[in-house]
Amino acid sequence: MAKVTSKLQVTIPKTVAEAYGIKPGTEVRWIPAGEAIRVEPAKSSSQPKLSMERRLVLFDRMTKRIEKLPPVKPAAPGEGRGWTRDDLYADRMEKHGRPRRHEHPRLPR
């Protein structure tokens, strides 16, 4: 979580900066978005901007796909899910040469 300094400055978290290619000196835009504020790198993206109409069409399509999905019943308290976070990210971890948690020599099981 970032805090605003007395000079009204905000530090961008490292993971966010790396994900969006924000480096020292990069200009960012502050865009009002209802009750939130959106921050974007000021550089133009390599992808063309979609019109509001096209974005709404895509949003409606996505919403219809999601509504067709069966409802998910939450697990009862104390009941296992049948999977772990390590299971979800195993392929990604192996792709980048990182051991899975239970295989790491310094981390407890």
Protein backbone atom coordinates (compact mmCIF):
# COMPACT_ATOMS: atom_id res chain seq x y z
CA MET A 1 0.00 0.00 0.00
CA ALA A 2 1.36 3.42 -0.91
CA LYS A 3 1.07 6.57 1.22
CA VAL A 4 0.87 10.15 0.05
CA THR A 5 3.78 12.24 1.36
CA SER A 6 3.57 15.79 2.69
CA LYS A 7 4.57 16.92 -0.83
CA LEU A 8 1.60 14.96 -2.28
CA GLN A 9 3.92 12.38 -3.84
CA VAL A 10 3.14 8.67 -4.14
CA THR A 11 5.57 5.78 -4.56
CA ILE A 12 4.52 3.20 -7.14
CA PRO A 13 5.00 -0.33 -5.77
CA LYS A 14 7.91 -2.12 -7.45
CA THR A 15 5.82 -5.04 -8.73
CA VAL A 16 3.36 -2.65 -10.39
CA ALA A 17 6.14 -0.52 -11.90
CA GLU A 18 7.87 -3.60 -13.32
CA ALA A 19 4.63 -5.04 -14.72
CA TYR A 20 3.85 -1.81 -16.59
CA GLY A 21 7.38 -0.77 -17.55
CA ILE A 22 7.39 2.29 -15.30
CA LYS A 23 10.92 3.52 -14.56
CA PRO A 24 12.36 6.67 -12.94
CA GLY A 25 11.46 9.57 -15.22
CA THR A 26 8.41 7.86 -16.73
CA GLU A 27 5.44 10.22 -16.88
CA VAL A 28 2.11 8.92 -15.60
CA ARG A 29 -1.42 10.18 -16.08
CA TRP A 30 -3.94 10.42 -13.24
CA ILE A 31 -7.41 9.72 -14.64
CA PRO A 32 -10.61 10.21 -12.62
CA ALA A 33 -12.70 7.02 -12.79
CA GLY A 34 -15.84 7.55 -10.76
CA GLU A 35 -14.95 7.08 -7.09
CA ALA A 36 -11.46 5.83 -7.99
CA ILE A 37 -8.37 7.23 -9.71
CA ARG A 38 -6.68 5.36 -12.53
CA VAL A 39 -2.93 5.75 -13.05
CA GLU A 40 -1.50 5.04 -16.52
CA PRO A 41 1.92 5.42 -18.05
CA ALA A 42 1.71 8.55 -20.25
CA LYS A 43 3.47 6.85 -23.16
CA SER A 44 1.17 5.66 -25.89
CA SER A 45 0.55 1.94 -25.80
CA SER A 46 1.47 -0.29 -28.72
CA GLN A 47 -2.16 -1.39 -28.98
CA PRO A 48 -4.69 0.91 -30.62
CA LYS A 49 -7.29 2.34 -28.26
CA LEU A 50 -10.73 0.80 -28.54
CA SER A 51 -13.76 3.04 -28.80
CA MET A 52 -16.14 3.17 -25.85
CA GLU A 53 -18.78 1.37 -27.96
CA ARG A 54 -16.38 -1.48 -28.79
CA ARG A 55 -15.29 -1.79 -25.16
CA LEU A 56 -18.94 -2.01 -24.06
CA VAL A 57 -19.66 -4.73 -26.64
CA LEU A 58 -16.68 -6.76 -25.39
CA PHE A 59 -17.74 -6.20 -21.77
CA ASP A 60 -21.28 -7.40 -22.51
CA ARG A 61 -19.95 -10.53 -24.24
CA MET A 62 -17.71 -11.31 -21.28
CA THR A 63 -20.59 -10.78 -18.85
CA LYS A 64 -22.81 -13.20 -20.80
CA ARG A 65 -20.05 -15.85 -20.77
CA ILE A 66 -19.63 -15.45 -17.02
CA GLU A 67 -23.38 -15.68 -16.39
CA LYS A 68 -23.43 -19.08 -18.17
CA LEU A 69 -20.90 -20.54 -15.74
CA PRO A 70 -22.32 -22.75 -12.98
CA PRO A 71 -22.37 -21.16 -9.52
CA VAL A 72 -19.48 -22.05 -7.25
CA LYS A 73 -20.37 -23.43 -3.84
CA PRO A 74 -17.91 -22.15 -1.22
CA ALA A 75 -16.13 -24.76 0.87
CA ALA A 76 -17.35 -25.21 4.43
CA PRO A 77 -15.08 -23.76 7.13
CA GLY A 78 -12.21 -26.16 7.78
CA GLU A 79 -12.92 -28.16 4.63
CA GLY A 80 -9.98 -28.49 2.23
CA ARG A 81 -10.20 -27.26 -1.35
CA GLY A 82 -8.37 -30.22 -2.83
CA TRP A 83 -5.60 -27.99 -4.22
CA THR A 84 -2.94 -25.59 -3.01
CA ARG A 85 -1.60 -22.31 -4.33
CA ASP A 86 1.61 -24.14 -5.25
CA ASP A 87 -0.45 -26.51 -7.42
CA LEU A 88 -1.96 -23.53 -9.28
CA TYR A 89 1.39 -21.93 -10.04
CA ALA A 90 3.53 -25.06 -10.50
CA ASP A 91 3.88 -24.70 -14.28
CA ARG A 92 4.82 -21.03 -14.02
CA MET A 93 7.30 -21.71 -11.23
CA GLU A 94 8.98 -24.52 -13.17
CA LYS A 95 9.06 -22.44 -16.36
CA HIS A 96 11.03 -19.72 -14.59
CA GLY A 97 13.32 -22.17 -12.78
CA ARG A 98 11.92 -21.60 -9.31
CA PRO A 99 11.39 -24.63 -7.09
CA ARG A 100 7.95 -25.36 -5.73
CA ARG A 101 7.61 -24.42 -2.07
CA HIS A 102 7.63 -27.98 -0.77
CA GLU A 103 10.79 -28.68 -2.81
CA HIS A 104 12.66 -25.63 -1.56
CA PRO A 105 15.52 -26.65 0.76
CA ARG A 106 15.14 -23.65 3.12
CA LEU A 107 11.36 -23.42 3.42
CA PRO A 108 9.45 -25.69 5.81
CA ARG A 109 6.75 -27.92 4.45
